[in-house]
């Protein structure tokens, strides 16, 4: 099993973003986005993971953000068991990349210590209407329905040996709370919980982010290793996190941040506003000073960006800082 030594954990970037370097087929806007490549081009998946490992990431998220049993049945023509096994394959592909990279750098996979995070995107990814960025579906989809949809994909990732689960881009309080509760069905499993947010204060669905984050942490503090934000504009991150641990000096909530580039995604035009974005590495020191211990990137963050994030992390980290992780797997 993989583990980490460093207290500041550097995540990978946007998987679909980097995957474009290895495939010519469309990714953005397709029903399964990058998840279909688990079936159609597993070598490209491995090579994408390798890009991030070579960039310095010590946490890899599996290519399962959009993966679901129902989605694979509908869009890949697989049966239920084949779909379930394909989700498990994502863990194996990430581990293959770890082993290959360990050989490159002359260490064993066990001593190289890369963490494999099973990516679990929100229910909205199954609707193919970008509602994971609004959370509007929670107004007509019950927590039980969401849990029933999530459970098999989570079970597959756990059975395949994920070191940790990445509940990510969660837009609404009800789904986040449901996931924190569902995690209890897998008592030996750790997870982080990361929200999508629409501004400096609110989740994508409009709840107060800090209130929701603290509430979810309190539901399951023994299994959640961090709470934070991802796939959010970098300019919102500091305001979202500042003060979240104001009254928790002796038991601060560990924080995770992996925003997008700041560009906007339009279903008609694709990615826009790249000329208005500040390089993500310019924010790193500020976020680390706020107590962030898990940092990386999401949409439109390439392996080259992770190189620069890693450099900033290494420069910021004092030599006297403890190298023991605040959790173990």
Foldseek 3Di string as FASTA:
>chain_A
DFAFQAQFAAEEAALLQALVVPDDDDAPLDLQRPLCCLPVPLVSQLVSLLLQVVLPGQEYEFSPQLQFLVSCCVPVVDHNVVSLVSLLVRQVSNLVSLQVVCVVVVHGSHVVGGAYAYEYHFPCSNVSPPCLLQVPCCVPQPLVNRLVRRVSSVVSNVVSPHQAYEYASRQDLSNLLSVLVSCVVVVVHAYEHAHDPDALAAGSNGDGLLVSQVVSCVSHVPRYQAYYYEQYALVNGCSSLPCSCVVPPPNRGAYAYAYEQRWDQDSVPGTDDNVVGDQNLVCLLVVVVSRHRYYYYHHPQGSNSSSSNVVSVVVNDDPPDGRHYPDTD
